[in-house]
Amino acid sequence: MCVAVCGGVGRQQRIVGGRRADPHEFPWLVLLSHAGTPYCGGALITSHHVLTAAHCLYGRKMSDIMVTLGEHDRKRDDDGWVITRGVAHMAIHNNFSLAKIQNDIGIITMDQPVNISTAEIATACLPTKAIRDYTGVTGVVAGWGRVGEKSVTAVTLRKVSLPIISQEQCRNMGYPKKRITDTVFCAGHPKGKKDACQGDSGGPIQINGTTPGYMEVIGVVSWGRGCGRPSYPGVYTRVDHYMDWIAEKTAGACLCHRPRMPARFR
């Protein structure tokens, strides 16, 4: 029997133009490091598995990747809740294209499970596989990526709120229309200034539900032109499009869905 509690925002009832997040505000957020250097994010979806972008795994050795959970301030080693795990297996979508950045989704199986029953480390809620229109909903992206296109990466976790825009609007902005497929969505302001950036790739974009204090991961930070540029919103891999693939690659593990859906999606 699968019984899981997920998506609870903690401690309170690539980021450009954002603000500092509260410690453990997103307890499912994961930091990936390669050979000791942070480079991508991810979301904990079971006690064994991390959802991330395929391009964060492509061409890398498992032995060089470290998964860090419970992190907030990368320069402090006294957070008390930080744990690390190695990688036992990596799954990249069979149809992933690095050249076109399509099907940009991957899953890490950690070498040891983690305790997901604490306020500091918990699993993310995922959507069902029913495709929904998120246009107009506000998504929240969090990560330790660059705070500006030419800036350094963030030391403490930062977050930014971004409006999700329609496929039609995104296709009529700066990107080639054929790049904005039905497996992705766009989020950002037409005038730019707020965005994910390098180092935030693979991390989740989440939305609020009608249940206070709960969020659902609906996308994975994938690609964009620069960071926070006008007419170039961030592009995110749609999680709902890949739910069957996620279930297959997590080998029957308990995936958690939010207990209540937003009224507009019912």
Foldseek 3Di string as FASTA:
>chain_A
DFDFDAFFQFDPLLWALWFFDDQLRPQQKKWKAFQRHTFEIWGAFFQFKTKFWQVVPPPGDQQRIKIWGLDFFQVDPVSVPIDIFGFPDKAQDPPQDPVLRPSTIMMTGTPDGDDQPDSRHHGAAAAALDDDDQAFFKWKAKFQRAHFLPGHTHRGITMDIWGWHDLVLLCPFDDPNVSSDPQKTFTHDQQFRTANAGSHHTTFIWGDAPPRRGIHTFWTFTDWDGHRHHRITTMTGGRSNCVVVVCVVVPNGRGHHDPDGHPVGD
